Amino acid sequence: MKVMGMAVLLACQAWAAAGPAPIRVEGGQLAGVVEDGLTVYKGVPFAAPPVGDLRWRAPQPAAKWQGVRAADKFAPGCMQAMGGPPPSGLSEDCLYLNVWTPAKSAKDRVPVLVWIYGGGFNGGATSIPVYSGEKLAKRGVVLVSIGYRVGVFGFYSHPELSAENPRHVSGNYGLLDMIAGLQWIQKNIAAFGGDPRKVTIFGESAGGIAVSMLCASPLAKGLFHGAISQSGGSFGPFSKTPSPGENMRVLADAEVSGAEFATAAGAASLKELRALPAEKILEAGRKQRGMAWPIVDGWVIPDDQYKLYTAGEFNDTPILVGYNSDEGLSFSGAKTPEDYVAGVKKRYGPFADRLVEAYPAAANSVPKTARDLMRDSAFGWQTWIWARLQSERGKGKAFYYYFDQHAERTPGSPQADHGSPHGADVAYVFEHLTDIRRPPTADDQRISDAMAAYWTNFAKYGHPNGAGVPQWPAFSDRTPTVMYFNATAHVGPVPSEASLKVLDGYFAWRRGEGSQTKAPVRRR
């Protein structure tokens, strides 16, 4: 009897060491690993490697494989020159996704949260430790993170590329990667116990901007059912000279920059450009900053997103959107009041005086009141107008937040007026407070618990409310309430609303008589 008991024990240990049974997706069988009660699959191909002749093409289906494919480590991040390489390294072969699932069988139908990383559309990777999805998955969602092309590999337009495309467009390959990932999820997530009818996309910075773009792209229709944007939104008008909040160029302008890039890279044709090593492409890209950003091509992004929403042409889902209290701390460059005023006059023209009054500098410094102009141009106005348009034009409700959790500031110090900088919210959402680089306080833990609960509730129910967290009212012009994350989760008014209205006047002017470029031709 003891011998039989020992045999059973050894068999169980061997099964546990072998990991979970393989699952089948459209490409073949996958073997994941068990980690702390979850089943985790890393480095799952959702598209063919975009290399060789597939460089600067829409993602193609991944090849099928024989046998069981190990899915136990992150794939390399996509080629990029911004910052240091991610833990998994870099490669052009980078179109892979990762899954953390709490499901015990394919029948469980667990809601799905899909992470889209930030990095200014020039960097980022799924293997960055703060994006690890186990904490959120343990709250009852399947967490998926998608790799997508960035920089010149992800957002490059050229006349020859447009000519070879049946739609006569080029660029936006990174967005097409995200769409391909979402299509793969619709076809395959049930195998992981996920519910393809309950998919919520979420992202921060460029990832949040991409979420906004996917909400306006007809190519993404039906691929998700909720959208969360952290420091995102893309509702500014077209521009020939992109600035924060007005980053969108039209295809014709992007093609001119693309031709100049090819010349700088020493390539006389598209064929020569595709033949260049990836490192040579990166080197040429370093000399032409600001080129790598999504564009209004008339197909993936049909038009000015503000106009699309006004016309009711968007993917109508509930949204949860917000930004950080001191985004300008990460981006504002003016060191003196004189520099600040000169910069405002250069960019905002006839609205400069009104905006300097709405976002004033001090006599001898550039305080938060002035930095908030950059915050609101790039993030605050984008979020405010998005929430307003969704509540006015859509059936899905809008939930609006303001993140202001940070270390205590010493009164009278240079940091006394510092709020929460760009990106500070990510560690709280993913519940990786070791990333805030200081001992977390009880307030930090309380905010992280609340945000993770709200985000996962939103994925489950289409709204953030549930047991253990304060009630979060939906936003509208009639009830303009915002959830503040500062020591506690509590509701309050729209931050800097009077200043936002001045900025709104500027954007309306830029869309009208201050317009810099004509609308693209829609290519549906």
Protein backbone atom coordinates (compact mmCIF):
# COMPACT_ATOMS: atom_id res chain seq x y z
CA MET A 1 0.00 0.00 0.00
CA LYS A 2 2.86 2.33 0.90
CA VAL A 3 4.57 1.46 -2.38
CA MET A 4 1.42 2.36 -4.34
CA GLY A 5 1.08 5.63 -2.42
CA MET A 6 4.67 6.53 -3.20
CA ALA A 7 4.10 5.77 -6.90
CA VAL A 8 1.07 8.05 -7.00
CA LEU A 9 3.03 10.82 -5.29
CA LEU A 10 5.91 10.49 -7.74
CA ALA A 11 3.51 10.50 -10.68
CA CYS A 12 1.88 13.69 -9.40
CA GLN A 13 5.27 15.33 -8.93
CA ALA A 14 6.29 14.35 -12.46
CA TRP A 15 3.03 15.79 -13.88
CA ALA A 16 3.57 19.06 -11.98
CA ALA A 17 7.14 19.32 -13.23
CA ALA A 18 5.97 18.71 -16.78
CA GLY A 19 3.61 21.65 -16.59
CA PRO A 20 0.05 22.01 -17.84
CA ALA A 21 -1.31 20.03 -20.75
CA PRO A 22 -0.65 21.67 -24.12
CA ILE A 23 -3.43 23.75 -25.64
CA ARG A 24 -4.21 24.15 -29.32
CA VAL A 25 -4.35 27.50 -31.12
CA GLU A 26 -4.61 28.09 -34.87
CA GLY A 27 -0.84 27.71 -35.35
CA GLY A 28 -0.43 24.47 -33.41
CA GLN A 29 0.02 23.26 -29.84
CA LEU A 30 1.45 25.44 -27.07
CA ALA A 31 3.00 24.45 -23.76
CA GLY A 32 2.88 27.07 -21.03
CA VAL A 33 4.18 27.04 -17.48
CA VAL A 34 2.45 27.18 -14.10
CA GLU A 35 3.44 30.17 -11.99
CA ASP A 36 1.83 30.75 -8.61
CA GLY A 37 -1.60 29.42 -9.51
CA LEU A 38 -1.68 30.89 -13.03
CA THR A 39 -0.85 29.34 -16.38
CA VAL A 40 1.51 31.60 -18.31
CA TYR A 41 2.35 31.54 -22.02
CA LYS A 42 5.14 33.80 -23.28
CA GLY A 43 6.42 34.40 -26.80
CA VAL A 44 3.31 33.24 -28.68
CA PRO A 45 3.52 34.21 -32.39
CA PHE A 46 0.46 36.07 -33.67
CA ALA A 47 1.95 37.15 -37.03
CA ALA A 48 4.82 36.25 -39.33
CA PRO A 49 8.22 37.85 -38.65
CA PRO A 50 8.16 41.24 -40.44
CA VAL A 51 11.61 40.77 -41.97
CA GLY A 52 13.05 40.83 -45.48
CA ASP A 53 10.32 41.59 -47.99
CA LEU A 54 7.78 41.82 -45.11
CA ARG A 55 9.56 44.84 -43.62
CA TRP A 56 7.09 47.76 -43.86
CA ARG A 57 4.15 45.58 -44.81
CA ALA A 58 0.95 44.82 -42.93
CA PRO A 59 1.39 41.82 -40.61
CA GLN A 60 0.90 38.45 -42.27
CA PRO A 61 -0.39 35.22 -40.63
CA ALA A 62 2.11 33.31 -38.53
CA ALA A 63 3.37 30.00 -39.90
CA LYS A 64 1.97 26.81 -38.37
CA TRP A 65 4.33 24.55 -36.45
CA GLN A 66 4.61 20.83 -35.82
CA GLY A 67 4.64 19.27 -32.38
CA VAL A 68 4.35 21.25 -29.15
CA ARG A 69 5.86 24.73 -29.06
CA ALA A 70 7.34 25.87 -25.74
CA ALA A 71 5.86 29.22 -24.65
CA ASP A 72 8.02 29.82 -21.62
CA LYS A 73 10.00 32.98 -22.32
CA PHE A 74 9.46 36.48 -23.70
CA ALA A 75 10.29 37.07 -27.35
CA PRO A 76 12.66 39.94 -28.19
CA GLY A 77 11.29 43.46 -28.26
CA CYS A 78 10.92 45.19 -31.61
CA MET A 79 13.95 47.05 -32.99
CA GLN A 80 14.34 50.48 -31.41
CA ALA A 81 16.94 53.09 -30.59
CA MET A 82 15.13 54.71 -27.66
CA GLY A 83 16.61 53.93 -24.24
CA GLY A 84 18.31 50.68 -23.37
CA PRO A 85 17.23 47.31 -24.76
CA PRO A 86 14.49 45.42 -22.85
CA PRO A 87 15.39 42.30 -20.83
CA SER A 88 14.48 40.04 -23.76
CA GLY A 89 16.72 41.89 -26.25
CA LEU A 90 15.78 43.30 -29.65
CA SER A 91 14.95 41.87 -33.06
CA GLU A 92 12.88 42.63 -36.15
CA ASP A 93 11.27 39.24 -35.47
CA CYS A 94 9.10 40.54 -32.64
CA LEU A 95 5.38 39.99 -33.30
CA TYR A 96 4.56 37.86 -30.28
CA LEU A 97 2.16 38.10 -27.37
CA ASN A 98 2.01 36.79 -23.81
CA VAL A 99 -0.88 35.40 -21.75
CA TRP A 100 -1.40 35.10 -17.99
CA THR A 101 -4.58 33.13 -17.31
CA PRO A 102 -6.30 32.10 -14.07
CA ALA A 103 -8.69 29.83 -15.98
CA LYS A 104 -8.72 26.14 -15.11
CA SER A 105 -10.28 25.08 -18.40
CA ALA A 106 -11.23 26.43 -21.81
CA LYS A 107 -14.84 26.57 -20.62
CA ASP A 108 -14.23 29.26 -17.97
CA ARG A 109 -14.75 32.32 -20.25
CA VAL A 110 -12.77 34.81 -18.16
CA PRO A 111 -12.78 38.53 -19.20
CA VAL A 112 -9.65 39.63 -21.07
CA LEU A 113 -7.42 42.68 -20.52
CA VAL A 114 -5.01 43.45 -23.38
CA TRP A 115 -1.97 45.64 -22.59
CA ILE A 116 -0.45 47.99 -25.20
CA TYR A 117 2.85 49.42 -23.98
CA GLY A 118 3.99 53.01 -24.29
CA GLY A 119 7.29 54.51 -25.39
CA GLY A 120 6.44 57.40 -27.67
CA PHE A 121 5.84 54.98 -30.56
CA ASN A 122 9.64 54.72 -30.63
CA GLY A 123 10.28 52.23 -27.83
CA GLY A 124 8.75 49.76 -25.41
CA ALA A 125 8.45 45.98 -25.05
CA THR A 126 6.23 43.42 -23.31
CA SER A 127 9.16 42.03 -21.28
CA ILE A 128 9.65 45.20 -19.20
CA PRO A 129 9.20 43.91 -15.61
CA VAL A 130 6.60 46.46 -14.49
CA TYR A 131 4.26 45.11 -17.21
CA SER A 132 4.28 41.57 -15.81
CA GLY A 133 0.62 40.56 -15.66
CA GLU A 134 0.36 38.07 -12.80
CA LYS A 135 -1.10 40.43 -10.19
CA LEU A 136 -3.95 41.60 -12.43
CA ALA A 137 -4.62 38.06 -13.67
CA LYS A 138 -5.06 36.90 -10.08
CA ARG A 139 -7.95 39.36 -9.81
CA GLY A 140 -9.91 37.29 -12.31
CA VAL A 141 -8.93 38.38 -15.81
CA VAL A 142 -6.85 36.90 -18.60
CA LEU A 143 -4.02 39.38 -19.11
CA VAL A 144 -2.50 39.60 -22.59
CA SER A 145 0.36 41.85 -23.74
CA ILE A 146 1.04 42.46 -27.43
CA GLY A 147 4.34 43.34 -29.12
CA TYR A 148 4.19 45.84 -31.97
CA ARG A 149 6.68 47.53 -34.27
CA VAL A 150 7.95 50.94 -33.19
CA GLY A 151 10.09 53.74 -34.56
CA VAL A 152 10.99 53.75 -38.23
CA PHE A 153 10.09 50.04 -38.49
CA GLY A 154 6.56 50.63 -37.27
CA PHE A 155 5.62 54.02 -38.65
CA TYR A 156 7.38 54.69 -41.92
CA SER A 157 5.76 56.14 -45.03
CA HIS A 158 7.33 56.36 -48.48
CA PRO A 159 5.87 56.97 -51.97
CA GLU A 160 7.04 53.54 -53.17
CA LEU A 161 5.48 51.83 -50.16
CA SER A 162 2.18 53.56 -50.87
CA ALA A 163 2.41 52.63 -54.57
CA GLU A 164 2.83 48.91 -53.83
CA ASN A 165 -0.08 48.87 -51.37
CA PRO A 166 -3.56 48.07 -52.80
CA ARG A 167 -4.96 50.91 -50.65
CA HIS A 168 -2.19 53.28 -51.78
CA VAL A 169 -1.16 53.99 -48.20
CA SER A 170 1.90 53.36 -46.05
CA GLY A 171 2.87 53.75 -42.41
CA ASN A 172 0.84 52.73 -39.35
CA TYR A 173 2.36 49.22 -39.32
CA GLY A 174 2.55 49.29 -35.53
CA LEU A 175 -1.20 49.94 -35.33
CA LEU A 176 -1.82 47.15 -37.82
CA ASP A 177 0.24 44.86 -35.56
CA MET A 178 -2.06 45.70 -32.64
CA ILE A 179 -5.10 44.98 -34.80
CA ALA A 180 -3.60 41.66 -35.92
CA GLY A 181 -2.97 40.79 -32.26
CA LEU A 182 -6.60 41.58 -31.40
CA GLN A 183 -7.80 39.47 -34.34
CA TRP A 184 -5.65 36.58 -33.05
CA ILE A 185 -7.18 37.02 -29.60
CA GLN A 186 -10.70 36.82 -31.02
CA LYS A 187 -9.85 33.52 -32.72
CA ASN A 188 -7.75 31.92 -29.98
CA ILE A 189 -8.30 33.35 -26.50
CA ALA A 190 -11.05 30.82 -25.69
CA ALA A 191 -8.34 28.11 -25.66
CA PHE A 192 -6.79 29.93 -22.68
CA GLY A 193 -10.15 30.17 -20.88
CA GLY A 194 -10.69 33.75 -22.03
CA ASP A 195 -13.94 35.26 -23.27
CA PRO A 196 -13.61 36.78 -26.77
CA ARG A 197 -16.84 38.70 -26.12
CA LYS A 198 -15.29 40.55 -23.16
CA VAL A 199 -12.01 42.04 -24.38
CA THR A 200 -10.78 45.35 -22.96
CA ILE A 201 -7.72 47.12 -24.37
CA PHE A 202 -5.58 49.30 -22.10
CA GLY A 203 -2.37 51.25 -22.53
CA GLU A 204 -0.31 54.16 -21.21
CA SER A 205 1.32 57.10 -23.04
CA ALA A 206 1.78 55.97 -26.66
CA GLY A 207 -0.15 52.86 -25.65
CA GLY A 208 -3.02 55.03 -24.40
CA ILE A 209 -2.87 57.12 -27.57
CA ALA A 210 -2.99 53.89 -29.58
CA VAL A 211 -6.06 52.79 -27.61
CA SER A 212 -7.68 56.07 -28.65
CA MET A 213 -6.75 55.47 -32.29
CA LEU A 214 -8.13 51.93 -32.20
CA CYS A 215 -11.37 53.37 -30.87
CA ALA A 216 -11.58 55.44 -34.07
CA SER A 217 -10.28 52.87 -36.57
CA PRO A 218 -12.85 50.99 -38.65
CA LEU A 219 -10.31 48.15 -38.93
CA ALA A 220 -10.63 47.49 -35.18
CA LYS A 221 -14.42 47.37 -35.11
CA GLY A 222 -15.72 44.49 -33.01
CA LEU A 223 -12.29 43.42 -31.76
CA PHE A 224 -12.72 44.85 -28.25
CA HIS A 225 -15.54 45.81 -25.91
CA GLY A 226 -13.96 48.33 -23.55
CA ALA A 227 -11.04 50.78 -23.67
CA ILE A 228 -8.76 52.16 -20.94
CA SER A 229 -6.31 54.96 -21.70
CA GLN A 230 -3.70 56.19 -19.22
CA SER A 231 -2.21 59.51 -20.37
CA GLY A 232 -3.46 59.07 -23.92
CA GLY A 233 -5.92 60.39 -26.48
CA SER A 234 -5.44 61.65 -30.04
CA PHE A 235 -7.99 64.37 -30.70
CA GLY A 236 -5.71 67.17 -31.89
CA PRO A 237 -5.84 68.52 -35.46
CA PHE A 238 -3.42 67.68 -38.27
CA SER A 239 -0.08 69.43 -38.23
CA LYS A 240 2.88 69.89 -40.57
CA THR A 241 5.09 70.61 -37.56
CA PRO A 242 4.04 68.10 -34.87
CA SER A 243 3.87 69.26 -31.25
CA PRO A 244 2.59 67.47 -28.11
CA GLY A 245 -1.15 67.05 -28.61
CA GLU A 246 -0.91 67.93 -32.31
CA ASN A 247 1.20 65.01 -33.50
CA MET A 248 -0.86 63.83 -36.44
CA ARG A 249 0.43 64.37 -39.97
CA VAL A 250 -1.32 63.35 -43.17
CA LEU A 251 0.08 60.73 -45.53
CA ALA A 252 1.40 63.16 -48.16
CA ASP A 253 3.55 64.98 -45.58
CA ALA A 254 4.78 61.70 -44.09
CA GLU A 255 5.79 60.45 -47.55
CA VAL A 256 7.98 63.54 -48.06
CA SER A 257 9.79 62.79 -44.77
CA GLY A 258 10.09 59.15 -45.79
CA ALA A 259 11.79 60.00 -49.06
CA GLU A 260 14.23 62.24 -47.19
CA PHE A 261 14.94 59.39 -44.79
CA ALA A 262 15.75 57.00 -47.64
CA THR A 263 18.24 59.51 -49.03
CA ALA A 264 19.84 59.92 -45.61
CA ALA A 265 20.12 56.14 -45.31
CA GLY A 266 21.90 55.98 -48.69
CA ALA A 267 19.18 53.96 -50.39
CA ALA A 268 18.17 54.83 -53.97
CA SER A 269 15.10 52.59 -53.94
CA LEU A 270 12.70 50.76 -51.66
CA LYS A 271 14.41 47.49 -52.59
CA GLU A 272 17.75 48.86 -51.36
CA LEU A 273 16.11 50.20 -48.21
CA ARG A 274 14.60 46.80 -47.38
CA ALA A 275 17.98 45.17 -47.93
CA LEU A 276 19.73 47.37 -45.36
CA PRO A 277 20.56 45.77 -41.99
CA ALA A 278 18.21 46.78 -39.19
CA GLU A 279 21.03 48.56 -37.36
CA LYS A 280 21.66 50.76 -40.39
CA ILE A 281 17.96 51.71 -40.47
CA LEU A 282 18.10 52.58 -36.78
CA GLU A 283 21.18 54.73 -37.29
CA ALA A 284 19.48 56.71 -40.06
CA GLY A 285 16.41 57.06 -37.85
CA ARG A 286 18.44 58.67 -35.08
CA LYS A 287 19.24 61.55 -37.44
CA GLN A 288 15.58 62.21 -38.25
CA ARG A 289 13.76 62.46 -34.93
CA GLY A 290 10.02 62.94 -34.72
CA MET A 291 9.20 61.03 -37.89
CA ALA A 292 8.01 57.81 -36.25
CA TRP A 293 4.39 58.41 -35.24
CA PRO A 294 1.05 57.16 -36.58
CA ILE A 295 -0.41 59.24 -39.38
CA VAL A 296 -3.83 60.04 -40.79
CA ASP A 297 -3.73 57.79 -43.85
CA GLY A 298 -7.45 57.69 -44.67
CA TRP A 299 -7.58 53.94 -44.02
CA VAL A 300 -6.29 52.79 -40.61
CA ILE A 301 -6.96 56.30 -39.30
CA PRO A 302 -9.59 57.79 -41.63
CA ASP A 303 -9.59 61.42 -40.46
CA ASP A 304 -9.15 63.88 -37.60
CA GLN A 305 -10.38 61.86 -34.61
CA TYR A 306 -12.30 64.79 -33.13
CA LYS A 307 -14.30 65.01 -36.36
CA LEU A 308 -14.86 61.25 -36.44
CA TYR A 309 -16.30 61.29 -32.92
CA THR A 310 -18.41 64.35 -33.65
CA ALA A 311 -19.87 62.50 -36.63
CA GLY A 312 -20.47 59.36 -34.55
CA GLU A 313 -17.90 57.39 -36.55
CA PHE A 314 -16.07 55.47 -33.83
CA ASN A 315 -16.07 52.10 -32.07
CA ASP A 316 -18.55 52.75 -29.29
CA THR A 317 -17.53 51.00 -26.07
CA PRO A 318 -17.31 52.12 -22.43
CA ILE A 319 -14.07 54.01 -21.75
CA LEU A 320 -11.97 54.65 -18.65
CA VAL A 321 -9.53 57.51 -19.28
CA GLY A 322 -7.26 59.80 -17.30
CA TYR A 323 -3.84 61.32 -16.80
CA ASN A 324 -1.29 62.33 -14.17
CA SER A 325 -1.19 65.58 -12.24
CA ASP A 326 2.27 66.75 -13.38
CA GLU A 327 2.81 65.30 -16.85
CA GLY A 328 4.59 68.56 -17.73
CA LEU A 329 7.32 67.68 -15.26
CA SER A 330 8.52 65.03 -17.72
CA PHE A 331 8.30 67.12 -20.89
CA SER A 332 8.33 70.88 -20.29
CA GLY A 333 11.69 72.32 -21.29
CA ALA A 334 11.46 76.01 -20.40
CA LYS A 335 13.83 76.99 -17.57
CA THR A 336 12.86 80.65 -17.22
CA PRO A 337 9.56 82.57 -17.44
CA GLU A 338 10.91 84.36 -20.51
CA ASP A 339 11.62 81.05 -22.27
CA TYR A 340 8.18 79.80 -21.34
CA VAL A 341 6.36 82.84 -22.72
CA ALA A 342 8.45 82.81 -25.91
CA GLY A 343 7.66 79.15 -26.46
CA VAL A 344 3.93 79.71 -25.95
CA LYS A 345 3.94 82.61 -28.43
CA LYS A 346 5.79 80.53 -31.02
CA ARG A 347 3.43 77.58 -30.82
CA TYR A 348 0.03 79.08 -29.97
CA GLY A 349 0.11 82.31 -32.01
CA PRO A 350 -3.00 84.45 -31.44
CA PHE A 351 -3.99 82.35 -28.39
CA ALA A 352 -0.66 82.81 -26.63
CA ASP A 353 -1.67 85.66 -24.33
CA ARG A 354 -4.86 83.92 -23.24
CA LEU A 355 -2.98 80.69 -22.55
CA VAL A 356 -0.21 82.41 -20.59
CA GLU A 357 -2.94 83.97 -18.46
CA ALA A 358 -4.67 80.59 -18.04
CA TYR A 359 -1.37 78.78 -17.32
CA PRO A 360 0.76 81.48 -15.64
CA ALA A 361 4.46 81.42 -14.85
CA ALA A 362 5.89 82.94 -11.68
CA ALA A 363 8.10 86.03 -11.63
CA ASN A 364 11.31 84.03 -11.47
CA SER A 365 10.38 80.41 -12.20
CA VAL A 366 8.28 78.05 -14.31
CA PRO A 367 5.98 76.43 -11.72
CA LYS A 368 3.38 73.70 -12.08
CA THR A 369 0.75 76.23 -13.21
CA ALA A 370 2.85 76.83 -16.32
CA ARG A 371 3.94 73.21 -16.77
CA ASP A 372 0.28 72.26 -16.85
CA LEU A 373 -0.08 73.82 -20.30
CA MET A 374 2.05 71.02 -21.70
CA ARG A 375 0.18 68.49 -19.53
CA ASP A 376 -3.18 69.62 -20.83
CA SER A 377 -2.14 70.07 -24.48
CA ALA A 378 -0.80 66.53 -24.69
CA PHE A 379 -3.01 64.68 -22.19
CA GLY A 380 -5.51 66.71 -20.16
CA TRP A 381 -7.48 68.24 -23.03
CA GLN A 382 -7.30 64.97 -24.99
CA THR A 383 -8.82 63.08 -22.04
CA TRP A 384 -11.42 65.74 -21.23
CA ILE A 385 -12.65 66.05 -24.80
CA TRP A 386 -12.63 62.26 -25.28
CA ALA A 387 -14.78 61.73 -22.18
CA ARG A 388 -17.14 64.51 -23.28
CA LEU A 389 -17.51 63.21 -26.83
CA GLN A 390 -18.02 59.61 -25.69
CA SER A 391 -20.71 60.63 -23.18
CA GLU A 392 -22.43 62.85 -25.77
CA ARG A 393 -22.18 60.68 -28.90
CA GLY A 394 -21.90 57.12 -27.65
CA LYS A 395 -23.90 54.55 -25.73
CA GLY A 396 -20.89 53.37 -23.72
CA LYS A 397 -20.26 55.34 -20.53
CA ALA A 398 -17.11 57.37 -19.82
CA PHE A 399 -15.16 57.18 -16.56
CA TYR A 400 -12.57 59.92 -15.99
CA TYR A 401 -9.68 59.92 -13.47
CA TYR A 402 -6.81 62.13 -12.24
CA PHE A 403 -3.73 60.46 -10.74
CA ASP A 404 -1.91 62.52 -8.12
CA GLN A 405 -0.21 59.94 -5.90
CA HIS A 406 3.45 60.75 -5.16
CA ALA A 407 6.01 61.11 -2.40
CA GLU A 408 5.50 63.90 0.09
CA ARG A 409 7.27 67.09 -0.98
CA THR A 410 9.30 69.22 1.39
CA PRO A 411 7.74 72.70 1.73
CA GLY A 412 9.98 75.40 0.28
CA SER A 413 12.12 72.93 -1.69
CA PRO A 414 12.51 73.05 -5.50
CA GLN A 415 10.26 69.98 -5.61
CA ALA A 416 7.53 71.46 -3.41
CA ASP A 417 5.05 71.89 -6.28
CA HIS A 418 5.86 68.62 -8.04
CA GLY A 419 2.93 66.30 -8.66
CA SER A 420 2.89 62.89 -10.34
CA PRO A 421 5.05 62.76 -13.49
CA HIS A 422 4.37 60.89 -16.70
CA GLY A 423 4.29 57.11 -16.30
CA ALA A 424 4.07 57.13 -12.50
CA ASP A 425 0.66 55.42 -12.58
CA VAL A 426 1.78 52.22 -14.34
CA ALA A 427 3.35 50.53 -11.30
CA TYR A 428 0.17 51.17 -9.32
CA VAL A 429 -2.11 49.63 -11.94
CA PHE A 430 0.06 46.51 -12.32
CA GLU A 431 0.58 46.34 -8.53
CA HIS A 432 4.37 46.37 -8.83
CA LEU A 433 5.10 49.05 -6.25
CA THR A 434 8.78 48.11 -6.09
CA ASP A 435 9.04 50.06 -9.34
CA ILE A 436 8.27 53.41 -7.64
CA ARG A 437 11.86 53.35 -6.30
CA ARG A 438 11.03 54.29 -2.75
CA PRO A 439 9.47 52.35 0.10
CA PRO A 440 5.73 52.26 -0.63
CA THR A 441 3.49 53.79 1.99
CA ALA A 442 0.06 52.69 3.17
CA ASP A 443 -1.39 55.36 0.85
CA ASP A 444 0.55 53.93 -2.11
CA GLN A 445 -0.79 50.46 -1.36
CA ARG A 446 -4.33 51.77 -0.96
CA ILE A 447 -4.20 53.55 -4.34
CA SER A 448 -2.66 50.53 -6.09
CA ASP A 449 -5.35 48.23 -4.66
CA ALA A 450 -8.09 50.61 -5.80
CA MET A 451 -6.72 51.11 -9.31
CA ALA A 452 -6.17 47.40 -9.92
CA ALA A 453 -9.70 46.69 -8.67
CA TYR A 454 -11.23 49.42 -10.85
CA TRP A 455 -9.33 48.33 -13.97
CA THR A 456 -10.25 44.65 -13.60
CA ASN A 457 -13.85 45.47 -12.64
CA PHE A 458 -14.08 47.51 -15.84
CA ALA A 459 -12.94 44.48 -17.85
CA LYS A 460 -15.52 42.28 -16.13
CA TYR A 461 -18.56 44.58 -16.04
CA GLY A 462 -18.01 47.48 -18.45
CA HIS A 463 -17.78 49.85 -15.47
CA PRO A 464 -15.22 50.13 -12.64
CA ASN A 465 -17.52 49.71 -9.65
CA GLY A 466 -17.63 46.77 -7.26
CA ALA A 467 -17.17 45.65 -3.69
CA GLY A 468 -14.43 47.27 -1.63
CA VAL A 469 -13.91 50.46 -3.66
CA PRO A 470 -15.67 53.85 -3.58
CA GLN A 471 -18.43 54.42 -6.11
CA TRP A 472 -17.10 55.93 -9.36
CA PRO A 473 -19.79 57.94 -11.20
CA ALA A 474 -19.88 58.07 -14.98
CA PHE A 475 -18.71 61.37 -16.47
CA SER A 476 -20.74 63.77 -18.60
CA ASP A 477 -21.10 67.52 -19.01
CA ARG A 478 -24.15 67.28 -16.74
CA THR A 479 -22.22 65.35 -14.07
CA PRO A 480 -18.56 66.35 -14.59
CA THR A 481 -17.12 64.23 -11.77
CA VAL A 482 -13.61 62.81 -11.85
CA MET A 483 -12.06 60.06 -9.71
CA TYR A 484 -8.95 61.37 -7.92
CA PHE A 485 -6.19 58.99 -6.88
CA ASN A 486 -4.41 60.87 -4.11
CA ALA A 487 -3.97 59.09 -0.74
CA THR A 488 -7.49 57.75 -1.25
CA ALA A 489 -9.78 57.22 -4.20
CA HIS A 490 -12.32 60.05 -4.10
CA VAL A 491 -14.37 62.06 -6.57
CA GLY A 492 -13.77 65.71 -7.41
CA PRO A 493 -14.20 68.30 -10.18
CA VAL A 494 -12.46 68.42 -13.57
CA PRO A 495 -8.89 69.64 -12.90
CA SER A 496 -8.14 73.09 -14.37
CA GLU A 497 -11.47 73.17 -16.19
CA ALA A 498 -11.40 76.93 -16.87
CA SER A 499 -7.94 76.61 -18.42
CA LEU A 500 -9.04 73.61 -20.48
CA LYS A 501 -11.80 75.74 -21.99
CA VAL A 502 -9.24 78.31 -23.15
CA LEU A 503 -7.16 75.52 -24.67
CA ASP A 504 -10.30 74.15 -26.31
CA GLY A 505 -10.70 77.49 -28.08
CA TYR A 506 -7.18 77.15 -29.46
CA PHE A 507 -7.80 73.66 -30.83
CA ALA A 508 -11.08 74.82 -32.42
CA TRP A 509 -9.17 77.66 -34.12
CA ARG A 510 -6.51 75.25 -35.38
CA ARG A 511 -9.22 73.09 -36.89
CA GLY A 512 -10.68 76.09 -38.70
CA GLU A 513 -8.90 79.21 -39.87
CA GLY A 514 -5.64 78.15 -38.22
CA SER A 515 -5.51 74.86 -40.12
CA GLN A 516 -2.12 73.83 -41.51
CA THR A 517 -3.12 71.07 -43.91
CA LYS A 518 -6.02 69.62 -45.86
CA ALA A 519 -7.89 66.51 -44.84
CA PRO A 520 -6.76 63.19 -46.37
CA VAL A 521 -8.77 61.25 -48.90
CA ARG A 522 -10.66 58.48 -47.13
CA ARG A 523 -9.81 55.06 -48.52
CA ARG A 524 -12.46 52.76 -47.12
